[in-house]
Amino acid sequence: MTMAPEAAAERLKTAERVLVIGCSGSGKSTLARQLADRLSLPYVSMDREIFWLPGWQSRPRAEALARLEGMVAQERWIMDGTSPGTLPLRLPRTDLVLWLRPPRWMSIYGVVSRWLRYRGRTRPEMAENCPERINREFLTYVWNFEKTESPEIEHNLAAYGRDVPVCVLKSRSENRALLALLEAKY
């Protein structure tokens, strides 16, 4: 069920569990942290809490899934991370999905500017000792995200989140507008 930003801002006032999904570089972490602060929801970065160990080591899948199940079972959270394969675990417990879907050039810009900002350092939503990095494979993933990942996201939303409202935000200005609407609602 698609929801306009005005309705999403209203829904956020009572939401206990919010997913922020979208392509790398779309602004998921920034929006999720800002919402967590405004709504007093615990912020969960899937990159930091679920997928990565220090030094860019992948967390073993069984351990990652166990951690995710534990976090999803909590009463309140805002979770930043797409991972279409984990949506069947997360969607049934979600009150609202914010799906960031900017044009791919905007996500590429986000990834490159983030790399320039944190080059040689670890950004806040990553595990320790995971300095920001960028390569051709990652840029190709970002460029093709809508074609390769969005169909699986849409399938999972239809299969596991039929009753979960989804607000699609297509630009950083729409992200900021949602925050402004939320401020106006309080």
N, C-alpha and C. Protein backbone atom coordinates (compact mmCIF):
# COMPACT_ATOMS: atom_id res chain seq x y z
N MET A 1 0.85 -1.17 0.00
CA MET A 1 0.00 0.00 0.00
C MET A 1 0.91 1.24 0.00
N THR A 2 0.83 2.02 -1.06
CA THR A 2 1.66 3.21 -1.20
C THR A 2 1.04 4.36 -0.42
N MET A 3 1.90 5.13 0.20
CA MET A 3 1.46 6.21 1.09
C MET A 3 2.18 7.51 0.70
N ALA A 4 1.44 8.61 0.67
CA ALA A 4 2.02 9.92 0.39
C ALA A 4 2.86 10.37 1.58
N PRO A 5 3.83 11.26 1.34
CA PRO A 5 4.68 11.73 2.44
C PRO A 5 3.89 12.36 3.59
N GLU A 6 2.80 13.05 3.30
CA GLU A 6 2.00 13.66 4.37
C GLU A 6 1.42 12.57 5.28
N ALA A 7 0.91 11.51 4.68
CA ALA A 7 0.36 10.39 5.46
C ALA A 7 1.48 9.66 6.20
N ALA A 8 2.65 9.55 5.57
CA ALA A 8 3.78 8.88 6.22
C ALA A 8 4.23 9.67 7.46
N ALA A 9 4.25 10.99 7.35
CA ALA A 9 4.63 11.81 8.50
C ALA A 9 3.64 11.60 9.65
N GLU A 10 2.37 11.50 9.32
CA GLU A 10 1.35 11.23 10.35
C GLU A 10 1.57 9.85 10.95
N ARG A 11 1.85 8.86 10.11
CA ARG A 11 2.06 7.49 10.57
C ARG A 11 3.31 7.40 11.45
N LEU A 12 4.33 8.17 11.13
CA LEU A 12 5.57 8.14 11.91
C LEU A 12 5.34 8.54 13.36
N LYS A 13 4.32 9.34 13.62
CA LYS A 13 4.06 9.79 14.99
C LYS A 13 3.77 8.62 15.92
N THR A 14 3.21 7.53 15.39
CA THR A 14 2.86 6.39 16.24
C THR A 14 3.61 5.12 15.87
N ALA A 15 4.41 5.15 14.83
CA ALA A 15 5.13 3.95 14.39
C ALA A 15 6.16 3.52 15.43
N GLU A 16 6.22 2.24 15.67
CA GLU A 16 7.19 1.68 16.61
C GLU A 16 8.37 1.04 15.88
N ARG A 17 8.14 0.60 14.63
CA ARG A 17 9.17 -0.09 13.87
C ARG A 17 9.11 0.40 12.42
N VAL A 18 10.23 1.00 11.97
CA VAL A 18 10.30 1.63 10.66
C VAL A 18 11.50 1.08 9.90
N LEU A 19 11.27 0.70 8.64
CA LEU A 19 12.37 0.30 7.75
C LEU A 19 12.69 1.45 6.81
N VAL A 20 13.97 1.73 6.64
CA VAL A 20 14.43 2.68 5.64
C VAL A 20 15.28 1.89 4.67
N ILE A 21 14.76 1.73 3.44
CA ILE A 21 15.44 0.91 2.44
C ILE A 21 15.74 1.74 1.20
N GLY A 22 16.62 1.23 0.36
CA GLY A 22 16.96 1.90 -0.89
C GLY A 22 18.39 1.58 -1.26
N CYS A 23 18.80 2.12 -2.38
CA CYS A 23 20.13 1.89 -2.92
C CYS A 23 21.20 2.53 -2.02
N SER A 24 22.39 1.97 -2.06
CA SER A 24 23.53 2.61 -1.40
C SER A 24 23.67 4.03 -1.95
N GLY A 25 23.96 4.97 -1.07
CA GLY A 25 24.14 6.35 -1.49
C GLY A 25 22.85 7.15 -1.62
N SER A 26 21.70 6.53 -1.34
CA SER A 26 20.42 7.23 -1.50
C SER A 26 20.08 8.11 -0.29
N GLY A 27 20.80 7.96 0.81
CA GLY A 27 20.54 8.76 1.99
C GLY A 27 19.83 8.01 3.10
N LYS A 28 19.81 6.67 3.02
CA LYS A 28 19.11 5.85 4.03
C LYS A 28 19.61 6.13 5.44
N SER A 29 20.90 6.05 5.63
CA SER A 29 21.46 6.20 6.98
C SER A 29 21.20 7.59 7.53
N THR A 30 21.38 8.60 6.71
CA THR A 30 21.15 9.97 7.15
C THR A 30 19.70 10.15 7.59
N LEU A 31 18.76 9.72 6.75
CA LEU A 31 17.35 9.87 7.09
C LEU A 31 16.99 9.04 8.32
N ALA A 32 17.47 7.81 8.38
CA ALA A 32 17.15 6.94 9.52
C ALA A 32 17.67 7.53 10.83
N ARG A 33 18.89 8.04 10.83
CA ARG A 33 19.42 8.65 12.06
C ARG A 33 18.63 9.89 12.45
N GLN A 34 18.27 10.72 11.48
CA GLN A 34 17.49 11.92 11.79
C GLN A 34 16.12 11.55 12.37
N LEU A 35 15.49 10.55 11.77
CA LEU A 35 14.18 10.11 12.28
C LEU A 35 14.32 9.48 13.67
N ALA A 36 15.36 8.68 13.86
CA ALA A 36 15.58 8.06 15.17
C ALA A 36 15.70 9.13 16.25
N ASP A 37 16.43 10.19 15.96
CA ASP A 37 16.57 11.29 16.92
C ASP A 37 15.24 11.96 17.21
N ARG A 38 14.50 12.27 16.16
CA ARG A 38 13.23 12.99 16.33
C ARG A 38 12.16 12.14 16.99
N LEU A 39 12.17 10.83 16.72
CA LEU A 39 11.10 9.95 17.21
C LEU A 39 11.51 9.15 18.45
N SER A 40 12.74 9.32 18.89
CA SER A 40 13.27 8.56 20.03
C SER A 40 13.15 7.05 19.80
N LEU A 41 13.46 6.64 18.58
CA LEU A 41 13.49 5.21 18.24
C LEU A 41 14.94 4.74 18.23
N PRO A 42 15.21 3.53 18.73
CA PRO A 42 16.57 2.99 18.63
C PRO A 42 16.95 2.80 17.16
N TYR A 43 18.12 3.28 16.80
CA TYR A 43 18.62 3.20 15.42
C TYR A 43 19.42 1.92 15.23
N VAL A 44 19.07 1.15 14.21
CA VAL A 44 19.80 -0.08 13.87
C VAL A 44 20.36 0.07 12.46
N SER A 45 21.67 0.05 12.36
CA SER A 45 22.34 0.03 11.06
C SER A 45 22.62 -1.44 10.73
N MET A 46 22.01 -1.94 9.68
CA MET A 46 22.24 -3.35 9.33
C MET A 46 23.71 -3.59 8.97
N ASP A 47 24.36 -2.61 8.35
CA ASP A 47 25.78 -2.78 8.03
C ASP A 47 26.58 -3.00 9.31
N ARG A 48 26.37 -2.15 10.30
CA ARG A 48 27.16 -2.21 11.54
C ARG A 48 26.72 -3.36 12.45
N GLU A 49 25.43 -3.54 12.62
CA GLU A 49 24.91 -4.49 13.62
C GLU A 49 24.75 -5.92 13.09
N ILE A 50 24.56 -6.07 11.79
CA ILE A 50 24.21 -7.39 11.24
C ILE A 50 25.29 -7.95 10.32
N PHE A 51 25.70 -7.19 9.31
CA PHE A 51 26.48 -7.76 8.22
C PHE A 51 27.99 -7.76 8.39
N TRP A 52 28.55 -6.71 9.00
CA TRP A 52 30.00 -6.56 8.99
C TRP A 52 30.61 -6.68 10.37
N LEU A 53 31.77 -7.33 10.39
CA LEU A 53 32.64 -7.37 11.56
C LEU A 53 33.80 -6.41 11.29
N PRO A 54 34.58 -6.06 12.30
CA PRO A 54 35.72 -5.17 12.05
C PRO A 54 36.62 -5.67 10.93
N GLY A 55 37.19 -4.72 10.19
CA GLY A 55 38.13 -5.05 9.14
C GLY A 55 37.48 -5.58 7.87
N TRP A 56 36.24 -5.20 7.61
CA TRP A 56 35.51 -5.63 6.41
C TRP A 56 35.36 -7.14 6.33
N GLN A 57 35.24 -7.79 7.48
CA GLN A 57 34.97 -9.22 7.51
C GLN A 57 33.46 -9.43 7.57
N SER A 58 32.95 -10.28 6.69
CA SER A 58 31.52 -10.58 6.72
C SER A 58 31.19 -11.41 7.95
N ARG A 59 30.10 -11.04 8.61
CA ARG A 59 29.63 -11.84 9.73
C ARG A 59 29.09 -13.15 9.17
N PRO A 60 29.37 -14.29 9.78
CA PRO A 60 28.82 -15.56 9.29
C PRO A 60 27.29 -15.47 9.17
N ARG A 61 26.75 -16.03 8.10
CA ARG A 61 25.32 -15.89 7.79
C ARG A 61 24.41 -16.31 8.94
N ALA A 62 24.68 -17.45 9.55
CA ALA A 62 23.83 -17.91 10.65
C ALA A 62 23.83 -16.92 11.81
N GLU A 63 24.99 -16.40 12.12
CA GLU A 63 25.09 -15.40 13.20
C GLU A 63 24.38 -14.11 12.81
N ALA A 64 24.54 -13.68 11.56
CA ALA A 64 23.88 -12.46 11.09
C ALA A 64 22.36 -12.61 11.18
N LEU A 65 21.84 -13.75 10.74
CA LEU A 65 20.40 -13.97 10.80
C LEU A 65 19.89 -14.01 12.24
N ALA A 66 20.65 -14.64 13.13
CA ALA A 66 20.26 -14.69 14.54
C ALA A 66 20.23 -13.28 15.14
N ARG A 67 21.23 -12.47 14.82
CA ARG A 67 21.26 -11.09 15.31
C ARG A 67 20.07 -10.30 14.76
N LEU A 68 19.79 -10.50 13.46
CA LEU A 68 18.68 -9.79 12.84
C LEU A 68 17.35 -10.19 13.49
N GLU A 69 17.15 -11.48 13.70
CA GLU A 69 15.91 -11.94 14.35
C GLU A 69 15.75 -11.31 15.73
N GLY A 70 16.85 -11.21 16.48
CA GLY A 70 16.79 -10.59 17.79
C GLY A 70 16.44 -9.12 17.72
N MET A 71 17.00 -8.42 16.77
CA MET A 71 16.71 -6.99 16.64
C MET A 71 15.28 -6.76 16.17
N VAL A 72 14.83 -7.55 15.21
CA VAL A 72 13.48 -7.40 14.68
C VAL A 72 12.44 -7.69 15.77
N ALA A 73 12.76 -8.58 16.69
CA ALA A 73 11.83 -8.95 17.77
C ALA A 73 11.66 -7.84 18.80
N GLN A 74 12.57 -6.88 18.82
CA GLN A 74 12.46 -5.78 19.79
C GLN A 74 11.21 -4.96 19.48
N GLU A 75 10.72 -4.28 20.50
CA GLU A 75 9.46 -3.53 20.37
C GLU A 75 9.58 -2.28 19.53
N ARG A 76 10.74 -1.63 19.57
CA ARG A 76 10.87 -0.35 18.87
C ARG A 76 12.21 -0.29 18.15
N TRP A 77 12.20 0.21 16.92
CA TRP A 77 13.42 0.42 16.16
C TRP A 77 13.15 1.17 14.87
N ILE A 78 14.21 1.76 14.35
CA ILE A 78 14.24 2.22 12.97
C ILE A 78 15.46 1.58 12.37
N MET A 79 15.26 0.81 11.30
CA MET A 79 16.31 -0.03 10.73
C MET A 79 16.68 0.47 9.34
N ASP A 80 17.95 0.72 9.17
CA ASP A 80 18.51 1.23 7.93
C ASP A 80 19.23 0.10 7.22
N GLY A 81 18.71 -0.32 6.08
CA GLY A 81 19.36 -1.36 5.29
C GLY A 81 18.36 -2.04 4.38
N THR A 82 18.77 -2.35 3.18
CA THR A 82 17.84 -2.90 2.20
C THR A 82 17.83 -4.42 2.25
N SER A 83 18.90 -5.07 1.88
CA SER A 83 19.02 -6.53 1.92
C SER A 83 17.70 -7.23 1.59
N PRO A 84 17.31 -7.26 0.31
CA PRO A 84 16.01 -7.83 -0.05
C PRO A 84 15.76 -9.23 0.51
N GLY A 85 16.81 -10.04 0.64
CA GLY A 85 16.64 -11.39 1.15
C GLY A 85 16.21 -11.47 2.60
N THR A 86 16.39 -10.38 3.36
CA THR A 86 15.97 -10.37 4.77
C THR A 86 14.60 -9.71 4.96
N LEU A 87 14.02 -9.19 3.91
CA LEU A 87 12.72 -8.54 4.05
C LEU A 87 11.63 -9.49 4.59
N PRO A 88 11.64 -10.78 4.21
CA PRO A 88 10.62 -11.67 4.79
C PRO A 88 10.67 -11.74 6.33
N LEU A 89 11.85 -11.52 6.92
CA LEU A 89 11.96 -11.48 8.38
C LEU A 89 11.50 -10.14 8.95
N ARG A 90 11.76 -9.08 8.23
CA ARG A 90 11.54 -7.74 8.78
C ARG A 90 10.15 -7.18 8.51
N LEU A 91 9.62 -7.42 7.32
CA LEU A 91 8.35 -6.79 6.96
C LEU A 91 7.18 -7.13 7.88
N PRO A 92 7.03 -8.38 8.32
CA PRO A 92 5.88 -8.67 9.19
C PRO A 92 5.86 -7.89 10.50
N ARG A 93 7.01 -7.36 10.92
CA ARG A 93 7.08 -6.59 12.18
C ARG A 93 7.15 -5.09 11.93
N THR A 94 7.00 -4.65 10.70
CA THR A 94 7.22 -3.26 10.34
C THR A 94 5.91 -2.48 10.28
N ASP A 95 5.94 -1.26 10.82
CA ASP A 95 4.78 -0.38 10.78
C ASP A 95 4.78 0.53 9.55
N LEU A 96 5.97 0.81 9.01
CA LEU A 96 6.09 1.71 7.86
C LEU A 96 7.42 1.45 7.17
N VAL A 97 7.39 1.45 5.83
CA VAL A 97 8.61 1.36 5.03
C VAL A 97 8.80 2.69 4.32
N LEU A 98 9.98 3.26 4.46
CA LEU A 98 10.39 4.41 3.68
C LEU A 98 11.38 3.90 2.64
N TRP A 99 10.96 3.93 1.37
CA TRP A 99 11.78 3.40 0.29
C TRP A 99 12.36 4.56 -0.49
N LEU A 100 13.67 4.77 -0.34
CA LEU A 100 14.35 5.85 -1.04
C LEU A 100 14.71 5.36 -2.44
N ARG A 101 14.14 6.03 -3.45
CA ARG A 101 14.32 5.63 -4.85
C ARG A 101 14.71 6.83 -5.72
N PRO A 102 15.84 7.47 -5.40
CA PRO A 102 16.26 8.60 -6.24
C PRO A 102 16.82 8.08 -7.57
N PRO A 103 17.01 8.98 -8.54
CA PRO A 103 17.67 8.56 -9.79
C PRO A 103 19.05 7.99 -9.48
N ARG A 104 19.49 7.06 -10.31
CA ARG A 104 20.76 6.38 -10.01
C ARG A 104 21.94 7.32 -9.96
N TRP A 105 21.94 8.38 -10.75
CA TRP A 105 23.06 9.32 -10.69
C TRP A 105 23.15 9.96 -9.31
N MET A 106 21.99 10.14 -8.65
CA MET A 106 21.99 10.73 -7.31
C MET A 106 22.61 9.76 -6.30
N SER A 107 22.33 8.47 -6.45
CA SER A 107 22.95 7.47 -5.56
C SER A 107 24.45 7.37 -5.82
N ILE A 108 24.85 7.44 -7.10
CA ILE A 108 26.29 7.44 -7.42
C ILE A 108 26.94 8.66 -6.77
N TYR A 109 26.32 9.81 -6.89
CA TYR A 109 26.84 11.02 -6.25
C TYR A 109 26.95 10.81 -4.74
N GLY A 110 25.93 10.20 -4.13
CA GLY A 110 25.95 9.96 -2.69
C GLY A 110 27.09 9.05 -2.28
N VAL A 111 27.33 8.00 -3.06
CA VAL A 111 28.41 7.06 -2.75
C VAL A 111 29.77 7.73 -2.90
N VAL A 112 29.95 8.48 -3.98
CA VAL A 112 31.25 9.14 -4.21
C VAL A 112 31.49 10.23 -3.16
N SER A 113 30.48 11.03 -2.86
CA SER A 113 30.68 12.09 -1.86
C SER A 113 30.92 11.50 -0.47
N ARG A 114 30.26 10.39 -0.17
CA ARG A 114 30.50 9.72 1.12
C ARG A 114 31.94 9.21 1.16
N TRP A 115 32.42 8.64 0.07
CA TRP A 115 33.80 8.15 0.01
C TRP A 115 34.78 9.30 0.21
N LEU A 116 34.52 10.42 -0.43
CA LEU A 116 35.41 11.58 -0.26
C LEU A 116 35.38 12.08 1.19
N ARG A 117 34.21 12.08 1.79
CA ARG A 117 34.07 12.58 3.17
C ARG A 117 34.76 11.67 4.17
N TYR A 118 34.64 10.36 3.98
CA TYR A 118 35.17 9.41 4.98
C TYR A 118 36.40 8.64 4.50
N ARG A 119 36.97 9.00 3.39
CA ARG A 119 38.11 8.28 2.84
C ARG A 119 39.16 8.04 3.92
N GLY A 120 39.49 6.74 4.09
CA GLY A 120 40.49 6.37 5.08
C GLY A 120 39.94 6.26 6.50
N ARG A 121 38.65 6.57 6.68
CA ARG A 121 38.03 6.49 8.00
C ARG A 121 36.76 5.66 7.92
N THR A 122 36.28 5.23 9.07
CA THR A 122 35.05 4.45 9.15
C THR A 122 33.90 5.38 9.45
N ARG A 123 32.84 5.29 8.64
CA ARG A 123 31.66 6.12 8.90
C ARG A 123 30.87 5.55 10.07
N PRO A 124 30.04 6.37 10.70
CA PRO A 124 29.36 5.96 11.95
C PRO A 124 28.49 4.71 11.82
N GLU A 125 27.90 4.46 10.68
CA GLU A 125 26.99 3.31 10.56
C GLU A 125 27.67 2.03 10.09
N MET A 126 29.00 2.01 10.12
CA MET A 126 29.75 0.80 9.76
C MET A 126 30.44 0.21 10.99
N ALA A 127 30.80 -1.06 10.87
CA ALA A 127 31.55 -1.72 11.94
C ALA A 127 32.93 -1.06 12.06
N GLU A 128 33.54 -1.24 13.22
CA GLU A 128 34.86 -0.65 13.45
C GLU A 128 35.86 -1.13 12.40
N ASN A 129 36.82 -0.26 12.13
CA ASN A 129 37.93 -0.59 11.23
C ASN A 129 37.44 -1.04 9.84
N CYS A 130 36.39 -0.38 9.35
CA CYS A 130 35.91 -0.60 7.98
C CYS A 130 35.98 0.75 7.26
N PRO A 131 37.20 1.16 6.90
CA PRO A 131 37.32 2.47 6.25
C PRO A 131 36.54 2.50 4.94
N GLU A 132 35.98 3.65 4.65
CA GLU A 132 35.16 3.81 3.45
C GLU A 132 35.97 3.42 2.22
N ARG A 133 35.30 2.70 1.32
CA ARG A 133 35.97 2.26 0.10
C ARG A 133 34.99 2.33 -1.06
N ILE A 134 35.57 2.34 -2.25
CA ILE A 134 34.75 2.41 -3.46
C ILE A 134 35.52 1.69 -4.56
N ASN A 135 34.80 0.96 -5.40
CA ASN A 135 35.44 0.30 -6.53
C ASN A 135 34.43 0.18 -7.67
N ARG A 136 34.90 -0.28 -8.79
CA ARG A 136 34.06 -0.37 -9.98
C ARG A 136 32.87 -1.31 -9.75
N GLU A 137 33.10 -2.43 -9.09
CA GLU A 137 32.03 -3.40 -8.84
C GLU A 137 30.90 -2.76 -8.01
N PHE A 138 31.27 -2.00 -6.99
CA PHE A 138 30.28 -1.35 -6.15
C PHE A 138 29.52 -0.28 -6.95
N LEU A 139 30.23 0.51 -7.74
CA LEU A 139 29.58 1.53 -8.55
C LEU A 139 28.62 0.90 -9.57
N THR A 140 29.01 -0.25 -10.12
CA THR A 140 28.13 -0.97 -11.06
C THR A 140 26.88 -1.45 -10.33
N TYR A 141 27.04 -1.97 -9.11
CA TYR A 141 25.89 -2.39 -8.30
C TYR A 141 24.93 -1.23 -8.10
N VAL A 142 25.45 -0.07 -7.72
CA VAL A 142 24.62 1.11 -7.49
C VAL A 142 23.92 1.52 -8.79
N TRP A 143 24.66 1.55 -9.89
CA TRP A 143 24.10 1.98 -11.18
C TRP A 143 22.95 1.07 -11.61
N ASN A 144 23.06 -0.22 -11.32
CA ASN A 144 22.06 -1.20 -11.77
C ASN A 144 21.04 -1.57 -10.70
N PHE A 145 21.06 -0.91 -9.56
CA PHE A 145 20.22 -1.29 -8.41
C PHE A 145 18.74 -1.41 -8.78
N GLU A 146 18.20 -0.43 -9.46
CA GLU A 146 16.76 -0.46 -9.80
C GLU A 146 16.42 -1.69 -10.62
N LYS A 147 17.30 -2.05 -11.54
CA LYS A 147 17.04 -3.19 -12.41
C LYS A 147 17.26 -4.52 -11.69
N THR A 148 18.27 -4.59 -10.84
CA THR A 148 18.63 -5.88 -10.24
C THR A 148 17.99 -6.14 -8.88
N GLU A 149 17.80 -5.11 -8.07
CA GLU A 149 17.33 -5.30 -6.69
C GLU A 149 15.85 -4.95 -6.50
N SER A 150 15.37 -3.92 -7.18
CA SER A 150 14.00 -3.46 -6.95
C SER A 150 12.93 -4.51 -7.24
N PRO A 151 13.10 -5.35 -8.28
CA PRO A 151 12.07 -6.38 -8.47
C PRO A 151 11.93 -7.32 -7.27
N GLU A 152 13.04 -7.69 -6.63
CA GLU A 152 12.97 -8.56 -5.45
C GLU A 152 12.34 -7.81 -4.26
N ILE A 153 12.65 -6.53 -4.14
CA ILE A 153 12.04 -5.73 -3.08
C ILE A 153 10.53 -5.69 -3.29
N GLU A 154 10.10 -5.40 -4.52
CA GLU A 154 8.67 -5.34 -4.82
C GLU A 154 7.99 -6.68 -4.56
N HIS A 155 8.64 -7.78 -4.94
CA HIS A 155 8.09 -9.11 -4.69
C HIS A 155 7.90 -9.34 -3.18
N ASN A 156 8.93 -9.01 -2.41
CA ASN A 156 8.86 -9.21 -0.95
C ASN A 156 7.81 -8.32 -0.31
N LEU A 157 7.68 -7.09 -0.78
CA LEU A 157 6.63 -6.21 -0.25
C LEU A 157 5.26 -6.81 -0.51
N ALA A 158 5.06 -7.37 -1.71
CA ALA A 158 3.76 -7.97 -2.05
C ALA A 158 3.52 -9.25 -1.26
N ALA A 159 4.56 -10.03 -1.04
CA ALA A 159 4.40 -11.32 -0.37
C ALA A 159 4.35 -11.22 1.15
N TYR A 160 5.14 -10.34 1.74
CA TYR A 160 5.29 -10.33 3.20
C TYR A 160 4.85 -9.03 3.86
N GLY A 161 4.57 -8.00 3.05
CA GLY A 161 4.24 -6.71 3.62
C GLY A 161 3.01 -6.08 2.99
N ARG A 162 2.05 -6.92 2.61
CA ARG A 162 0.85 -6.40 1.94
C ARG A 162 0.15 -5.30 2.73
N ASP A 163 0.15 -5.41 4.04
CA ASP A 163 -0.55 -4.43 4.88
C ASP A 163 0.37 -3.34 5.43
N VAL A 164 1.64 -3.38 5.03
CA VAL A 164 2.60 -2.39 5.52
C VAL A 164 2.62 -1.20 4.56
N PRO A 165 2.33 0.00 5.05
CA PRO A 165 2.39 1.15 4.15
C PRO A 165 3.82 1.45 3.72
N VAL A 166 3.95 1.87 2.47
CA VAL A 166 5.25 2.19 1.89
C VAL A 166 5.19 3.62 1.35
N CYS A 167 6.12 4.43 1.79
CA CYS A 167 6.26 5.78 1.26
C CYS A 167 7.53 5.81 0.42
N VAL A 168 7.39 6.12 -0.87
CA VAL A 168 8.53 6.20 -1.77
C VAL A 168 9.00 7.65 -1.83
N LEU A 169 10.28 7.84 -1.57
CA LEU A 169 10.90 9.17 -1.62
C LEU A 169 11.93 9.15 -2.75
N LYS A 170 11.81 10.10 -3.69
CA LYS A 170 12.60 10.05 -4.92
C LYS A 170 13.73 11.07 -4.99
N SER A 171 13.98 11.79 -3.91
CA SER A 171 15.07 12.77 -3.93
C SER A 171 15.41 13.17 -2.49
N ARG A 172 16.56 13.78 -2.35
CA ARG A 172 16.95 14.28 -1.02
C ARG A 172 15.99 15.38 -0.57
N SER A 173 15.48 16.15 -1.52
CA SER A 173 14.53 17.19 -1.13
C SER A 173 13.24 16.57 -0.61
N GLU A 174 12.81 15.42 -1.16
CA GLU A 174 11.65 14.73 -0.61
C GLU A 174 11.95 14.17 0.78
N ASN A 175 13.18 13.71 1.00
CA ASN A 175 13.58 13.26 2.35
C ASN A 175 13.46 14.42 3.33
N ARG A 176 13.99 15.58 2.93
CA ARG A 176 13.92 16.76 3.81
C ARG A 176 12.47 17.21 4.02
N ALA A 177 11.67 17.11 2.97
CA ALA A 177 10.25 17.50 3.09
C ALA A 177 9.53 16.60 4.09
N LEU A 178 9.84 15.30 4.08
CA LEU A 178 9.23 14.39 5.05
C LEU A 178 9.61 14.82 6.47
N LEU A 179 10.87 15.13 6.68
CA LEU A 179 11.30 15.60 8.01
C LEU A 179 10.58 16.89 8.40
N ALA A 180 10.41 17.80 7.44
CA ALA A 180 9.71 19.04 7.72
C ALA A 180 8.24 18.78 8.07
N LEU A 181 7.61 17.86 7.34
CA LEU A 181 6.23 17.50 7.64
C LEU A 181 6.13 16.90 9.05
N LEU A 182 7.11 16.09 9.40
CA LEU A 182 7.11 15.48 10.72
C LEU A 182 7.25 16.56 11.80
N GLU A 183 8.14 17.52 11.57
CA GLU A 183 8.32 18.62 12.52
C GLU A 183 7.03 19.40 12.67
N ALA A 184 6.33 19.61 11.57
CA ALA A 184 5.08 20.38 11.61
C ALA A 184 3.98 19.61 12.36
N LYS A 185 4.08 18.27 12.37
CA LYS A 185 3.06 17.45 13.02
C LYS A 185 3.25 17.42 14.54
N TYR A 186 4.46 17.74 15.01
CA TYR A 186 4.72 17.68 16.46
C TYR A 186 4.43 19.00 17.12
